[in-house]
Amino acid sequence: MSLLVTGARLITVPAGTDDPGYIEDGWMLVDDGRIAAVGSGTPTTTGDETLDVDGAFVAPGFVSSHSHLFTSGLRGLGVSETLYGWCDSMLGTTAHFGPEDMYWSTLHGALDFLGNGVTTAYNFTDPQQAWEPMIAGSRAGRAPLRPLEYHTRQADACRDAGLRFVDAIAMDVTAGTDDEVFARFAAAVAHTRGLDPDLALGASIMGQVQWSPRADAAEFEVAAMRRFGVTNQAHFLESPEQIAEQRAKFALYRDAGALGPDMMFGHFIQTTPEIIEETVAGGASMSWQPASNGRLASGVALVPEMLAMGMKVGIGLDDQACTDVSDPWQNMRMGIAMQRARTKDPLSMMPELVLRLHTLGGAEILGVDDRVGSLEVGKFADFVVVDPRHPDVGPLWHPVRSYVLSMTPRNLRGVYVGGELVHDGSASTNPLGDEASARVHEALPAIAARHGHPR
């Protein structure tokens, strides 16, 4: 089946240029789930179906390069806390989850992302080893280990939601022998790679060096990267607490040989010039979470400086439990405001740049930009339809800038994955949506009542 989209204010975000690729009267042909042609004016082709968007924006689905979808039912917690206290509040609850609790929570989060225009996510799964509070810069690593299904059901939920995702898997290197650690990780990777490859775009490591008590944790992760051909994203230098301990662990990744294109650092706020220089020299990238960083009082990453030095950067929405609303437009605007307030220079973060970072830039650092992140021929037809007249924002003096600065989820009229409507602007088309909502509303309060969480 083919779909011809017409009458569009088309924003393509093409690769290889800083131009946003704006077409005032654009059209796009989708064939078998992929973009077959893009043009302006009168279409030169036809489709089995036609979608006339009548002057609405058509833009790439957002890419969240750093997400924790299982947290969707845990919003509004730990509001008076920074990172570790907030984690105690939220993950103290998931410590009591079983595999099916985790499945429905992740499905709820994945559908929420789709409903807000996010079509691809790097998803940090909740580890098989349950949460432990941080003490002196690390965790004891003695928490109970949950079954493999605790992880695999999270990947299943992303697939069942119809969200494209990179599956980030924790190695939990303190649980079991070295051989058992690798065998457990291999099983998780195999499950992800056995899912629909059009949705499960890859497997990755949830880097845990930041909180691991093992001095050789980075070596374990690098060995797994090479053995299994996976990427790695580590939460790193995020919190304004225990900065000396955090910075000292950078050398563990560097000395283990992790600093290459397959290595990403999530947050990367409490850096030094030397750490940034070594990261750029090694070819590693970073994922920036503006709304989360503000909510948790973590600080402001030096993103303009990192970009100027040649680092690749993507933007993520992070936890629904620390952005509270999965709104990519809010996330972009918060990023613009934070950087401009910090630098006192409006050119330090322009709307066109932040849009690129939340679409193609995110896809680039994840290594999936050959498939998603922009509206280009051959890529998956993942796009949003956004109407600037409902609610009306007035004349579009600079359309792309208005798209970033003035749109909200209220303007969202449709979300398409592979050319198929997955959300109509008011409700999900997924038949599991109502059940996911009911399950989360029933199960989470019951778990909290039994165990005294959350707070």
Protein backbone atom coordinates (compact mmCIF):
# COMPACT_ATOMS: atom_id res chain seq x y z
CA MET A 1 0.00 0.00 0.00
CA SER A 2 1.12 3.54 -0.70
CA LEU A 3 0.17 6.84 0.91
CA LEU A 4 0.53 10.27 -0.67
CA VAL A 5 0.78 13.13 1.85
CA THR A 6 -0.10 16.48 0.30
CA GLY A 7 -0.54 20.13 1.29
CA ALA A 8 2.24 19.92 3.86
CA ARG A 9 4.55 22.43 5.45
CA LEU A 10 7.26 19.82 5.17
CA ILE A 11 10.32 19.79 7.46
CA THR A 12 12.67 17.05 6.31
CA VAL A 13 15.83 17.63 8.47
CA PRO A 14 18.15 16.19 5.81
CA ALA A 15 21.54 14.71 6.59
CA GLY A 16 24.77 16.46 5.64
CA THR A 17 23.56 20.04 6.07
CA ASP A 18 22.40 22.40 8.81
CA ASP A 19 19.42 23.44 6.67
CA PRO A 20 16.13 22.12 8.16
CA GLY A 21 14.86 21.23 4.70
CA TYR A 22 11.68 23.28 4.81
CA ILE A 23 9.23 23.00 1.89
CA GLU A 24 6.26 25.40 2.05
CA ASP A 25 3.90 23.37 -0.15
CA GLY A 26 5.33 19.89 0.11
CA TRP A 27 4.28 16.35 -0.58
CA MET A 28 5.65 12.95 0.37
CA LEU A 29 5.00 9.50 -1.04
CA VAL A 30 5.11 6.53 1.32
CA ASP A 31 5.36 3.05 -0.17
CA ASP A 32 5.50 -0.13 1.89
CA GLY A 33 6.31 1.80 5.06
CA ARG A 34 9.21 3.79 3.65
CA ILE A 35 9.57 7.19 2.03
CA ALA A 36 9.59 6.78 -1.74
CA ALA A 37 9.63 10.41 -2.88
CA VAL A 38 9.52 13.97 -1.56
CA GLY A 39 8.68 17.08 -3.54
CA SER A 40 7.08 20.51 -3.69
CA GLY A 41 4.02 21.89 -5.44
CA THR A 42 1.79 19.58 -7.45
CA PRO A 43 2.68 15.92 -6.79
CA THR A 44 4.25 14.08 -9.70
CA THR A 45 2.89 10.76 -8.50
CA THR A 46 -0.17 9.18 -6.89
CA GLY A 47 -0.79 6.80 -4.00
CA ASP A 48 -3.35 4.19 -3.07
CA GLU A 49 -4.51 6.65 -0.42
CA THR A 50 -4.11 10.42 -0.12
CA LEU A 51 -3.69 12.36 3.13
CA ASP A 52 -4.25 16.08 2.56
CA VAL A 53 -2.94 17.83 5.70
CA ASP A 54 -4.15 21.24 4.44
CA GLY A 55 -1.19 23.36 5.48
CA ALA A 56 -0.20 21.50 8.65
CA PHE A 57 3.42 20.76 9.44
CA VAL A 58 4.72 17.32 8.52
CA ALA A 59 8.02 16.61 10.27
CA PRO A 60 10.10 13.63 11.37
CA GLY A 61 8.93 11.70 14.38
CA PHE A 62 11.06 12.66 17.35
CA VAL A 63 13.95 10.48 18.47
CA SER A 64 14.58 10.23 22.21
CA SER A 65 18.22 9.21 22.58
CA HIS A 66 17.85 8.50 26.31
CA SER A 67 14.63 7.11 27.82
CA HIS A 68 13.29 4.88 30.61
CA LEU A 69 9.85 3.88 29.42
CA PHE A 70 8.98 1.72 32.42
CA THR A 71 8.67 4.86 34.58
CA SER A 72 5.50 6.11 32.91
CA GLY A 73 3.31 5.36 35.93
CA LEU A 74 5.68 6.95 38.47
CA ARG A 75 5.42 10.65 37.68
CA GLY A 76 5.44 13.40 40.25
CA LEU A 77 7.68 11.56 42.74
CA GLY A 78 10.78 12.78 44.53
CA VAL A 79 10.06 16.40 43.67
CA SER A 80 12.19 17.73 46.53
CA GLU A 81 15.14 15.45 45.68
CA THR A 82 18.14 15.46 43.37
CA LEU A 83 19.05 12.36 41.35
CA TYR A 84 19.78 9.74 43.98
CA GLY A 85 16.94 10.66 46.34
CA TRP A 86 14.55 10.74 43.40
CA CYS A 87 15.80 7.29 42.34
CA ASP A 88 15.18 5.95 45.85
CA SER A 89 11.60 7.18 45.60
CA MET A 90 10.87 5.84 42.12
CA LEU A 91 13.01 2.70 41.90
CA GLY A 92 12.12 1.73 45.43
CA THR A 93 8.77 0.91 43.86
CA THR A 94 10.02 -0.95 40.79
CA ALA A 95 12.20 -3.06 43.08
CA HIS A 96 8.96 -4.91 43.86
CA PHE A 97 7.81 -5.31 40.24
CA GLY A 98 7.47 -8.66 38.53
CA PRO A 99 7.93 -9.26 34.78
CA GLU A 100 4.27 -8.58 33.94
CA ASP A 101 4.19 -5.38 36.00
CA MET A 102 7.20 -4.27 34.03
CA TYR A 103 5.62 -5.26 30.71
CA TRP A 104 2.49 -3.16 31.24
CA SER A 105 4.41 -0.20 32.67
CA THR A 106 6.75 -0.19 29.67
CA LEU A 107 3.86 -0.57 27.23
CA HIS A 108 2.13 2.38 28.90
CA GLY A 109 5.30 4.44 28.51
CA ALA A 110 5.90 3.45 24.91
CA LEU A 111 2.34 4.35 23.91
CA ASP A 112 2.73 7.65 25.77
CA PHE A 113 5.84 8.45 23.73
CA LEU A 114 4.03 7.68 20.49
CA GLY A 115 1.09 9.83 21.57
CA ASN A 116 3.44 12.78 21.95
CA GLY A 117 5.20 12.34 18.60
CA VAL A 118 8.22 10.26 19.66
CA THR A 119 8.57 7.38 17.22
CA THR A 120 12.05 6.06 18.15
CA ALA A 121 13.57 5.69 21.62
CA TYR A 122 16.76 4.45 23.17
CA ASN A 123 15.18 2.56 26.07
CA PHE A 124 17.07 1.87 29.27
CA THR A 125 15.35 -1.18 30.70
CA ASP A 126 15.04 -1.60 34.45
CA PRO A 127 17.91 -3.97 35.36
CA GLN A 128 17.37 -7.54 36.44
CA GLN A 129 19.23 -6.65 39.63
CA ALA A 130 16.94 -4.60 41.83
CA TRP A 131 17.69 -1.01 42.85
CA GLU A 132 20.00 -0.24 45.75
CA PRO A 133 20.68 3.21 47.21
CA MET A 134 24.02 4.83 46.41
CA ILE A 135 26.54 4.81 49.28
CA ALA A 136 29.92 6.55 48.92
CA GLY A 137 29.55 6.79 45.15
CA SER A 138 28.48 3.21 44.36
CA ARG A 139 26.00 0.46 45.15
CA ALA A 140 26.77 -2.69 47.05
CA GLY A 141 25.67 -4.91 44.18
CA ARG A 142 24.03 -7.47 46.43
CA ALA A 143 20.37 -6.91 45.51
CA PRO A 144 18.39 -9.94 44.32
CA LEU A 145 18.54 -10.87 40.64
CA ARG A 146 15.21 -11.12 38.86
CA PRO A 147 14.56 -13.60 36.01
CA LEU A 148 15.50 -12.98 32.39
CA GLU A 149 11.83 -12.37 31.63
CA TYR A 150 12.03 -9.22 33.70
CA HIS A 151 14.16 -7.78 30.92
CA THR A 152 12.66 -9.48 27.88
CA ARG A 153 9.12 -8.39 28.72
CA GLN A 154 10.27 -4.77 28.52
CA ALA A 155 11.52 -5.34 24.97
CA ASP A 156 8.29 -7.15 24.13
CA ALA A 157 6.30 -4.14 25.34
CA CYS A 158 8.13 -1.75 23.02
CA ARG A 159 7.44 -4.08 20.12
CA ASP A 160 3.77 -4.48 21.03
CA ALA A 161 3.37 -0.71 21.27
CA GLY A 162 4.75 -0.31 17.73
CA LEU A 163 7.59 1.94 18.89
CA ARG A 164 10.98 1.72 17.21
CA PHE A 165 13.61 1.24 19.89
CA VAL A 166 17.19 0.44 20.80
CA ASP A 167 17.12 -1.94 23.75
CA ALA A 168 19.60 -0.98 26.51
CA ILE A 169 20.45 -3.93 28.74
CA ALA A 170 22.23 -3.84 32.10
CA MET A 171 25.04 -6.33 32.65
CA ASP A 172 24.74 -6.39 36.46
CA VAL A 173 28.38 -7.44 36.81
CA THR A 174 28.17 -8.14 40.55
CA ALA A 175 25.50 -10.82 40.11
CA GLY A 176 27.06 -14.22 39.50
CA THR A 177 30.35 -15.38 38.04
CA ASP A 178 31.92 -13.65 35.06
CA ASP A 179 30.72 -16.42 32.76
CA GLU A 180 27.20 -16.10 34.16
CA VAL A 181 27.24 -12.33 33.57
CA PHE A 182 28.12 -12.78 29.89
CA ALA A 183 25.67 -15.65 29.42
CA ARG A 184 22.83 -13.61 30.91
CA PHE A 185 23.66 -10.64 28.70
CA ALA A 186 23.92 -12.88 25.63
CA ALA A 187 20.43 -14.25 26.28
CA ALA A 188 18.95 -10.78 26.57
CA VAL A 189 20.62 -9.63 23.35
CA ALA A 190 19.44 -12.75 21.53
CA HIS A 191 15.85 -12.08 22.55
CA THR A 192 15.97 -8.50 21.28
CA ARG A 193 17.58 -9.54 18.01
CA GLY A 194 14.85 -12.12 17.54
CA LEU A 195 12.13 -9.45 17.49
CA ASP A 196 10.90 -7.60 14.40
CA PRO A 197 14.05 -5.81 13.16
CA ASP A 198 11.99 -2.94 11.79
CA LEU A 199 11.02 -2.11 15.39
CA ALA A 200 13.92 -3.50 17.45
CA LEU A 201 16.64 -1.40 15.83
CA GLY A 202 19.49 -2.69 17.98
CA ALA A 203 20.79 -3.83 21.34
CA SER A 204 23.00 -1.79 23.63
CA ILE A 205 24.58 -1.82 27.08
CA MET A 206 23.17 0.22 29.92
CA GLY A 207 26.53 1.43 31.18
CA GLN A 208 26.77 0.94 34.94
CA VAL A 209 30.32 1.99 35.76
CA GLN A 210 28.99 5.12 37.47
CA TRP A 211 27.54 3.10 40.34
CA SER A 212 29.33 -0.27 40.15
CA PRO A 213 31.60 -1.32 43.03
CA ARG A 214 33.74 -3.38 40.61
CA ALA A 215 36.85 -1.59 39.41
CA ASP A 216 36.84 -3.67 36.21
CA ALA A 217 33.20 -2.92 35.29
CA ALA A 218 34.29 -0.83 32.27
CA GLU A 219 36.45 -3.67 31.00
CA PHE A 220 33.45 -6.00 31.22
CA GLU A 221 31.33 -3.59 29.21
CA VAL A 222 33.97 -3.07 26.53
CA ALA A 223 34.45 -6.83 26.22
CA ALA A 224 30.70 -7.22 25.72
CA MET A 225 30.61 -4.39 23.16
CA ARG A 226 33.19 -6.19 21.07
CA ARG A 227 31.92 -9.72 21.60
CA PHE A 228 28.28 -8.96 20.81
CA GLY A 229 28.63 -5.98 18.47
CA VAL A 230 26.57 -3.62 20.62
CA THR A 231 26.77 0.04 21.60
CA ASN A 232 26.93 1.43 25.14
CA GLN A 233 25.32 4.43 26.83
CA ALA A 234 26.36 5.25 30.38
CA HIS A 235 24.67 7.60 32.79
CA PHE A 236 27.67 9.73 33.59
CA LEU A 237 28.54 12.95 35.39
CA GLU A 238 24.88 13.73 35.91
CA SER A 239 24.37 14.61 39.55
CA PRO A 240 25.98 17.62 41.28
CA GLU A 241 26.79 15.33 44.21
CA GLN A 242 29.98 13.29 44.70
CA ILE A 243 31.55 14.96 41.70
CA ALA A 244 35.11 13.87 42.51
CA GLU A 245 34.05 10.22 42.67
CA GLN A 246 32.16 10.55 39.40
CA ARG A 247 35.01 12.20 37.52
CA ALA A 248 37.53 9.64 38.73
CA LYS A 249 35.52 6.89 37.00
CA PHE A 250 35.93 8.50 33.58
CA ALA A 251 39.44 7.06 33.48
CA LEU A 252 37.97 3.57 33.82
CA TYR A 253 36.14 3.92 30.52
CA ARG A 254 39.08 5.66 28.86
CA ASP A 255 41.63 3.08 29.97
CA ALA A 256 39.33 0.21 28.97
CA GLY A 257 39.25 1.54 25.39
CA ALA A 258 35.57 2.52 25.43
CA LEU A 259 35.94 5.98 23.89
CA GLY A 260 34.81 5.39 20.32
CA PRO A 261 31.74 5.97 18.12
CA ASP A 262 29.84 3.17 19.86
CA MET A 263 30.11 4.90 23.26
CA MET A 264 27.57 7.47 24.46
CA PHE A 265 27.49 9.41 27.70
CA GLY A 266 24.07 10.30 29.04
CA HIS A 267 23.80 13.73 30.69
CA PHE A 268 27.56 14.51 30.86
CA ILE A 269 27.09 17.65 32.93
CA GLN A 270 29.80 17.70 35.63
CA THR A 271 32.63 17.53 33.10
CA THR A 272 36.07 19.13 32.91
CA PRO A 273 37.77 20.54 29.79
CA GLU A 274 40.10 17.55 29.83
CA ILE A 275 37.24 15.04 29.96
CA ILE A 276 35.47 16.75 27.06
CA GLU A 277 38.67 16.87 25.00
CA GLU A 278 39.41 13.18 25.55
CA THR A 279 35.83 12.24 24.72
CA VAL A 280 35.90 14.20 21.47
CA ALA A 281 39.29 12.80 20.53
CA GLY A 282 38.00 9.25 21.05
CA GLY A 283 34.85 9.85 18.98
CA ALA A 284 32.29 9.22 21.73
CA SER A 285 29.01 11.14 21.83
CA MET A 286 26.54 12.41 24.42
CA SER A 287 22.79 12.49 24.99
CA TRP A 288 21.32 15.67 26.47
CA GLN A 289 18.16 15.64 28.59
CA PRO A 290 17.21 19.30 29.22
CA ALA A 291 13.86 18.81 31.00
CA SER A 292 15.22 16.05 33.22
CA ASN A 293 18.36 18.00 34.08
CA GLY A 294 16.23 20.94 35.16
CA ARG A 295 13.68 18.87 37.09
CA LEU A 296 16.39 17.08 39.10
CA ALA A 297 18.53 20.21 39.61
CA SER A 298 21.41 18.42 37.91
CA GLY A 299 22.82 21.42 36.04
CA VAL A 300 23.32 22.44 32.42
CA ALA A 301 25.56 20.49 30.06
CA LEU A 302 28.01 22.49 27.94
CA VAL A 303 26.31 21.43 24.72
CA PRO A 304 27.27 24.36 22.45
CA GLU A 305 30.90 23.97 23.42
CA MET A 306 30.78 20.21 22.87
CA LEU A 307 29.24 20.67 19.44
CA ALA A 308 31.85 23.28 18.53
CA MET A 309 34.57 20.77 19.41
CA GLY A 310 33.05 18.16 17.11
CA MET A 311 31.09 15.97 19.52
CA LYS A 312 27.89 14.39 18.24
CA VAL A 313 24.87 15.15 20.44
CA GLY A 314 21.33 13.81 20.60
CA ILE A 315 18.43 14.81 22.82
CA GLY A 316 16.42 12.50 25.05
CA LEU A 317 13.25 12.87 27.12
CA ASP A 318 14.66 10.62 29.87
CA ASP A 319 12.22 9.20 32.43
CA GLN A 320 8.59 10.11 32.22
CA ALA A 321 9.01 10.23 36.00
CA CYS A 322 11.45 13.15 35.75
CA THR A 323 10.04 15.02 32.77
CA ASP A 324 6.48 14.32 33.94
CA VAL A 325 5.04 15.15 30.48
CA SER A 326 6.59 13.41 27.46
CA ASP A 327 6.55 16.62 25.45
CA PRO A 328 9.43 16.93 22.95
CA TRP A 329 8.55 20.56 22.17
CA GLN A 330 8.82 21.45 25.86
CA ASN A 331 12.09 19.54 25.99
CA MET A 332 13.50 21.55 23.07
CA ARG A 333 12.35 24.87 24.48
CA MET A 334 13.82 24.10 27.88
CA GLY A 335 17.11 23.29 26.17
CA ILE A 336 17.09 26.58 24.30
CA ALA A 337 16.24 28.55 27.44
CA MET A 338 18.86 26.82 29.59
CA GLN A 339 21.69 27.37 27.14
CA ARG A 340 20.79 30.97 26.36
CA ALA A 341 20.48 31.80 30.06
CA ARG A 342 23.86 30.18 30.72
CA THR A 343 25.75 31.74 27.80
CA LYS A 344 23.79 34.99 27.53
CA ASP A 345 24.03 34.42 23.78
CA PRO A 346 20.87 33.64 21.74
CA LEU A 347 22.99 32.10 18.98
CA SER A 348 24.28 29.44 21.38
CA MET A 349 21.11 27.38 20.85
CA MET A 350 18.85 28.12 17.89
CA PRO A 351 15.51 26.40 17.15
CA GLU A 352 16.79 24.75 13.96
CA LEU A 353 19.67 23.17 15.86
CA VAL A 354 17.64 21.85 18.75
CA LEU A 355 15.15 20.29 16.32
CA ARG A 356 17.98 18.51 14.54
CA LEU A 357 19.34 17.21 17.86
CA HIS A 358 15.93 15.78 18.83
CA THR A 359 15.49 14.01 15.48
CA LEU A 360 18.42 13.19 13.21
CA GLY A 361 21.04 13.99 15.87
CA GLY A 362 19.56 11.44 18.21
CA ALA A 363 19.41 8.87 15.42
CA GLU A 364 23.06 9.54 14.58
CA ILE A 365 24.43 8.89 18.05
CA LEU A 366 22.34 5.70 18.27
CA GLY A 367 23.69 4.50 14.93
CA VAL A 368 20.22 4.23 13.36
CA ASP A 369 20.25 7.36 11.17
CA ASP A 370 20.16 5.18 8.05
CA ARG A 371 16.59 4.27 9.00
CA VAL A 372 15.06 7.06 11.09
CA GLY A 373 15.47 10.68 12.15
CA SER A 374 14.65 12.54 8.93
CA LEU A 375 12.17 12.48 6.06
CA GLU A 376 14.45 11.23 3.28
CA VAL A 377 13.92 8.69 0.53
CA GLY A 378 14.56 5.16 1.73
CA LYS A 379 13.98 5.80 5.41
CA PHE A 380 11.02 4.63 7.45
CA ALA A 381 8.02 6.93 7.04
CA ASP A 382 7.82 7.99 10.68
CA PHE A 383 6.27 11.44 10.87
CA VAL A 384 4.02 13.79 12.81
CA VAL A 385 1.23 16.01 11.51
CA VAL A 386 1.11 19.24 13.53
CA ASP A 387 -1.50 21.94 12.86
CA PRO A 388 -0.39 25.50 13.76
CA ARG A 389 -3.99 26.75 13.51
CA HIS A 390 -5.48 24.52 16.22
CA PRO A 391 -4.69 26.15 18.55
CA ASP A 392 -3.85 29.08 16.32
CA VAL A 393 -0.38 30.61 16.83
CA GLY A 394 -0.79 33.41 14.31
CA PRO A 395 1.28 34.09 11.18
CA LEU A 396 4.26 31.82 10.62
CA TRP A 397 6.97 34.41 10.03
CA HIS A 398 9.68 31.76 10.38
CA PRO A 399 7.87 28.42 10.01
CA VAL A 400 10.57 26.07 11.34
CA ARG A 401 11.22 28.34 14.30
CA SER A 402 7.50 28.54 14.99
CA TYR A 403 7.35 24.74 14.83
CA VAL A 404 9.91 24.50 17.62
CA LEU A 405 8.93 27.51 19.70
CA SER A 406 5.13 27.57 19.44
CA MET A 407 3.87 24.01 18.93
CA THR A 408 2.66 21.78 21.76
CA PRO A 409 1.03 18.34 21.87
CA ARG A 410 -2.30 20.19 21.54
CA ASN A 411 -1.34 20.94 17.92
CA LEU A 412 -0.55 17.29 17.20
CA ARG A 413 -3.09 15.81 14.75
CA GLY A 414 -1.48 12.51 13.92
CA VAL A 415 1.55 10.30 14.52
CA TYR A 416 2.58 7.82 11.85
CA VAL A 417 5.05 4.94 12.07
CA GLY A 418 5.90 3.36 8.74
CA GLY A 419 3.12 5.38 7.18
CA GLU A 420 0.52 3.86 9.54
CA LEU A 421 -1.48 6.01 11.94
CA VAL A 422 -0.59 5.05 15.53
CA HIS A 423 -2.15 8.04 17.30
CA ASP A 424 -4.82 10.38 15.95
CA GLY A 425 -3.97 13.33 18.18
CA SER A 426 -6.44 12.33 20.86
CA ALA A 427 -6.18 8.57 21.27
CA SER A 428 -3.91 5.64 20.45
CA THR A 429 -4.93 3.25 17.70
CA ASN A 430 -3.22 0.38 19.57
CA PRO A 431 -5.76 -2.21 20.81
CA LEU A 432 -3.73 -2.68 24.02
CA GLY A 433 -3.90 0.99 25.02
CA ASP A 434 -6.91 0.80 27.32
CA GLU A 435 -5.65 -2.34 29.03
CA ALA A 436 -2.20 -0.81 29.59
CA SER A 437 -3.78 2.17 31.30
CA ALA A 438 -6.03 0.00 33.46
CA ARG A 439 -3.19 -2.30 34.47
CA VAL A 440 -0.91 0.57 35.51
CA HIS A 441 -3.66 2.25 37.52
CA GLU A 442 -4.48 -1.00 39.30
CA ALA A 443 -1.07 -2.59 39.83
CA LEU A 444 1.10 0.32 40.93
CA PRO A 445 -1.07 1.52 43.84
CA ALA A 446 -1.41 -2.10 44.98
CA ILE A 447 2.39 -2.55 44.98
CA ALA A 448 2.80 0.74 46.84
CA ALA A 449 0.24 -0.31 49.45
CA ARG A 450 2.06 -3.57 50.10
CA HIS A 451 5.58 -2.14 50.30
CA GLY A 452 5.26 1.46 51.46
CA HIS A 453 6.36 3.10 48.22
CA PRO A 454 6.37 5.55 46.55
CA ARG A 455 6.80 8.85 48.33
